[in-house]
Structures are given as C-alpha cells and as structure tokens.
Amino acid sequence: MLKELEMWAQQDFRSVNGQIEYLLSEAIKKQKRSKNKGTSSEMD
C-alpha cells in the first residue's frame, strides 16, 4: 500500500504525507456530506 501511495503522490506532485493528509481531508468532507443529506440542518 505504501508503494501505491508513493506513486500516487508523485503523480499529484505531493509528498507521501501530503497525499495522506489530502485523502483524510477528502474522506472527512465526504462523511460530512453524507451526514448532511439525512438532516435538514448542518452540523460542524
């Protein structure tokens, strides 16, 4: 998995740590969107 992350990071001109940070932030955004679909008010 680390090799795949390294290759993906190189393609996006990021460090491996930067790629991991990007993936985590995207997962958090996705989770927030899916939570908000079921409710009428936003939660932070």
PDB file of N, CA and C in Angstrom:
ATOM      1  N   MET A   1       0.833  -1.190   0.000  1.00  0.00           N
ATOM      2  CA  MET A   1       0.000   0.000   0.000  1.00  0.00           C
ATOM      3  C   MET A   1       0.876   1.252   0.000  1.00  0.00           C
ATOM      4  N   LEU A   2       1.996   1.208   0.710  1.00  0.00           N
ATOM      5  CA  LEU A   2       2.883   2.366   0.748  1.00  0.00           C
ATOM      6  C   LEU A   2       3.424   2.696  -0.643  1.00  0.00           C
ATOM      7  N   LYS A   3       3.771   1.678  -1.406  1.00  0.00           N
ATOM      8  CA  LYS A   3       4.270   1.902  -2.772  1.00  0.00           C
ATOM      9  C   LYS A   3       3.208   2.581  -3.634  1.00  0.00           C
ATOM     10  N   GLU A   4       1.967   2.153  -3.477  1.00  0.00           N
ATOM     11  CA  GLU A   4       0.876   2.767  -4.237  1.00  0.00           C
ATOM     12  C   GLU A   4       0.693   4.222  -3.841  1.00  0.00           C
ATOM     13  N   LEU A   5       0.762   4.512  -2.538  1.00  0.00           N
ATOM     14  CA  LEU A   5       0.657   5.894  -2.069  1.00  0.00           C
ATOM     15  C   LEU A   5       1.801   6.742  -2.612  1.00  0.00           C
ATOM     16  N   GLU A   6       3.012   6.182  -2.626  1.00  0.00           N
ATOM     17  CA  GLU A   6       4.164   6.910  -3.151  1.00  0.00           C
ATOM     18  C   GLU A   6       3.977   7.244  -4.627  1.00  0.00           C
ATOM     19  N   MET A   7       3.509   6.279  -5.415  1.00  0.00           N
ATOM     20  CA  MET A   7       3.290   6.521  -6.845  1.00  0.00           C
ATOM     21  C   MET A   7       2.194   7.556  -7.057  1.00  0.00           C
ATOM     22  N   TRP A   8       1.111   7.441  -6.297  1.00  0.00           N
ATOM     23  CA  TRP A   8       0.000   8.380  -6.419  1.00  0.00           C
ATOM     24  C   TRP A   8       0.449   9.790  -6.027  1.00  0.00           C
ATOM     25  N   ALA A   9       1.232   9.894  -4.960  1.00  0.00           N
ATOM     26  CA  ALA A   9       1.740  11.187  -4.518  1.00  0.00           C
ATOM     27  C   ALA A   9       2.629  11.814  -5.585  1.00  0.00           C
ATOM     28  N   GLN A  10       3.483  11.017  -6.212  1.00  0.00           N
ATOM     29  CA  GLN A  10       4.350  11.526  -7.276  1.00  0.00           C
ATOM     30  C   GLN A  10       3.530  12.053  -8.447  1.00  0.00           C
ATOM     31  N   GLN A  11       2.466  11.352  -8.801  1.00  0.00           N
ATOM     32  CA  GLN A  11       1.616  11.781  -9.914  1.00  0.00           C
ATOM     33  C   GLN A  11       0.958  13.123  -9.612  1.00  0.00           C
ATOM     34  N   ASP A  12       0.621  13.359  -8.350  1.00  0.00           N
ATOM     35  CA  ASP A  12      -0.041  14.608  -7.949  1.00  0.00           C
ATOM     36  C   ASP A  12       0.938  15.656  -7.447  1.00  0.00           C
ATOM     37  N   PHE A  13       2.254  15.382  -7.589  1.00  0.00           N
ATOM     38  CA  PHE A  13       3.309  16.299  -7.137  1.00  0.00           C
ATOM     39  C   PHE A  13       3.174  16.641  -5.654  1.00  0.00           C
ATOM     40  N   ARG A  14       2.913  15.622  -4.832  1.00  0.00           N
ATOM     41  CA  ARG A  14       2.799  15.776  -3.383  1.00  0.00           C
ATOM     42  C   ARG A  14       3.795  14.844  -2.709  1.00  0.00           C
ATOM     43  N   SER A  15       4.078  15.122  -1.438  1.00  0.00           N
ATOM     44  CA  SER A  15       4.824  14.171  -0.629  1.00  0.00           C
ATOM     45  C   SER A  15       3.851  13.080  -0.180  1.00  0.00           C
ATOM     46  N   VAL A  16       4.383  11.984   0.327  1.00  0.00           N
ATOM     47  CA  VAL A  16       3.511  10.911   0.821  1.00  0.00           C
ATOM     48  C   VAL A  16       2.655  11.439   1.975  1.00  0.00           C
ATOM     49  N   ASN A  17       3.270  12.208   2.885  1.00  0.00           N
ATOM     50  CA  ASN A  17       2.493  12.776   3.992  1.00  0.00           C
ATOM     51  C   ASN A  17       1.410  13.717   3.474  1.00  0.00           C
ATOM     52  N   GLY A  18       1.737  14.503   2.456  1.00  0.00           N
ATOM     53  CA  GLY A  18       0.749  15.392   1.857  1.00  0.00           C
ATOM     54  C   GLY A  18      -0.386  14.622   1.211  1.00  0.00           C
ATOM     55  N   GLN A  19      -0.062  13.498   0.590  1.00  0.00           N
ATOM     56  CA  GLN A  19      -1.087  12.665  -0.037  1.00  0.00           C
ATOM     57  C   GLN A  19      -2.011  12.069   1.021  1.00  0.00           C
ATOM     58  N   ILE A  20      -1.440  11.600   2.116  1.00  0.00           N
ATOM     59  CA  ILE A  20      -2.249  11.035   3.205  1.00  0.00           C
ATOM     60  C   ILE A  20      -3.160  12.115   3.791  1.00  0.00           C
ATOM     61  N   GLU A  21      -2.617  13.314   3.987  1.00  0.00           N
ATOM     62  CA  GLU A  21      -3.427  14.420   4.505  1.00  0.00           C
ATOM     63  C   GLU A  21      -4.575  14.744   3.549  1.00  0.00           C
ATOM     64  N   TYR A  22      -4.285  14.754   2.252  1.00  0.00           N
ATOM     65  CA  TYR A  22      -5.310  15.017   1.243  1.00  0.00           C
ATOM     66  C   TYR A  22      -6.416  13.955   1.298  1.00  0.00           C
ATOM     67  N   LEU A  23      -6.021  12.688   1.347  1.00  0.00           N
ATOM     68  CA  LEU A  23      -7.002  11.602   1.385  1.00  0.00           C
ATOM     69  C   LEU A  23      -7.872  11.674   2.634  1.00  0.00           C
ATOM     70  N   LEU A  24      -7.254  11.974   3.768  1.00  0.00           N
ATOM     71  CA  LEU A  24      -8.031  12.092   5.007  1.00  0.00           C
ATOM     72  C   LEU A  24      -9.004  13.261   4.954  1.00  0.00           C
ATOM     73  N   SER A  25      -8.558  14.397   4.427  1.00  0.00           N
ATOM     74  CA  SER A  25      -9.457  15.551   4.352  1.00  0.00           C
ATOM     75  C   SER A  25     -10.618  15.286   3.394  1.00  0.00           C
ATOM     76  N   GLU A  26     -10.355  14.591   2.284  1.00  0.00           N
ATOM     77  CA  GLU A  26     -11.431  14.233   1.361  1.00  0.00           C
ATOM     78  C   GLU A  26     -12.424  13.267   2.012  1.00  0.00           C
ATOM     79  N   ALA A  27     -11.928  12.318   2.795  1.00  0.00           N
ATOM     80  CA  ALA A  27     -12.808  11.371   3.483  1.00  0.00           C
ATOM     81  C   ALA A  27     -13.689  12.094   4.501  1.00  0.00           C
ATOM     82  N   ILE A  28     -13.116  13.076   5.199  1.00  0.00           N
ATOM     83  CA  ILE A  28     -13.900  13.845   6.181  1.00  0.00           C
ATOM     84  C   ILE A  28     -14.975  14.663   5.476  1.00  0.00           C
ATOM     85  N   LYS A  29     -14.612  15.296   4.358  1.00  0.00           N
ATOM     86  CA  LYS A  29     -15.604  16.062   3.591  1.00  0.00           C
ATOM     87  C   LYS A  29     -16.738  15.157   3.121  1.00  0.00           C
ATOM     88  N   LYS A  30     -16.385  13.987   2.631  1.00  0.00           N
ATOM     89  CA  LYS A  30     -17.388  13.034   2.137  1.00  0.00           C
ATOM     90  C   LYS A  30     -18.310  12.595   3.269  1.00  0.00           C
ATOM     91  N   GLN A  31     -17.730  12.342   4.430  1.00  0.00           N
ATOM     92  CA  GLN A  31     -18.526  11.927   5.583  1.00  0.00           C
ATOM     93  C   GLN A  31     -19.497  13.033   6.004  1.00  0.00           C
ATOM     94  N   LYS A  32     -19.019  14.272   6.017  1.00  0.00           N
ATOM     95  CA  LYS A  32     -19.883  15.399   6.385  1.00  0.00           C
ATOM     96  C   LYS A  32     -21.029  15.545   5.402  1.00  0.00           C
ATOM     97  N   ARG A  33     -20.733  15.386   4.095  1.00  0.00           N
ATOM     98  CA  ARG A  33     -21.795  15.494   3.084  1.00  0.00           C
ATOM     99  C   ARG A  33     -22.834  14.401   3.267  1.00  0.00           C
ATOM    100  N   SER A  34     -22.406  13.181   3.551  1.00  0.00           N
ATOM    101  CA  SER A  34     -23.356  12.088   3.695  1.00  0.00           C
ATOM    102  C   SER A  34     -24.196  12.262   4.960  1.00  0.00           C
ATOM    103  N   LYS A  35     -23.616  12.823   6.004  1.00  0.00           N
ATOM    104  CA  LYS A  35     -24.384  13.091   7.224  1.00  0.00           C
ATOM    105  C   LYS A  35     -25.431  14.165   6.966  1.00  0.00           C
ATOM    106  N   ASN A  36     -25.063  15.196   6.212  1.00  0.00           N
ATOM    107  CA  ASN A  36     -25.977  16.311   5.954  1.00  0.00           C
ATOM    108  C   ASN A  36     -27.107  15.949   5.006  1.00  0.00           C
ATOM    109  N   LYS A  37     -26.950  14.914   4.212  1.00  0.00           N
ATOM    110  CA  LYS A  37     -28.023  14.501   3.315  1.00  0.00           C
ATOM    111  C   LYS A  37     -29.237  14.021   4.086  1.00  0.00           C
ATOM    112  N   GLY A  38     -29.006  13.409   5.241  1.00  0.00           N
ATOM    113  CA  GLY A  38     -30.097  12.862   6.031  1.00  0.00           C
ATOM    114  C   GLY A  38     -30.754  13.855   6.965  1.00  0.00           C
ATOM    115  N   THR A  39     -30.169  15.051   7.112  1.00  0.00           N
ATOM    116  CA  THR A  39     -30.738  16.048   8.024  1.00  0.00           C
ATOM    117  C   THR A  39     -30.975  17.336   7.281  1.00  0.00           C
ATOM    118  N   SER A  40     -31.820  18.191   7.843  1.00  0.00           N
ATOM    119  CA  SER A  40     -32.108  19.463   7.210  1.00  0.00           C
ATOM    120  C   SER A  40     -31.211  20.575   7.723  1.00  0.00           C
ATOM    121  N   SER A  41     -30.520  20.362   8.864  1.00  0.00           N
ATOM    122  CA  SER A  41     -29.612  21.373   9.384  1.00  0.00           C
ATOM    123  C   SER A  41     -28.182  20.869   9.317  1.00  0.00           C
ATOM    124  N   GLU A  42     -27.238  21.815   9.165  1.00  0.00           N
ATOM    125  CA  GLU A  42     -25.838  21.419   9.070  1.00  0.00           C
ATOM    126  C   GLU A  42     -25.225  21.325  10.454  1.00  0.00           C
ATOM    127  N   MET A  43     -24.313  20.360  10.609  1.00  0.00           N
ATOM    128  CA  MET A  43     -23.612  20.188  11.865  1.00  0.00           C
ATOM    129  C   MET A  43     -22.129  20.363  11.617  1.00  0.00           C
ATOM    130  N   ASP A  44     -21.420  21.073  12.496  1.00  0.00           N
ATOM    131  CA  ASP A  44     -19.957  21.245  12.377  1.00  0.00           C
ATOM    132  C   ASP A  44     -19.278  20.615  13.549  1.00  0.00           C
TER     133      ASP A  44
END
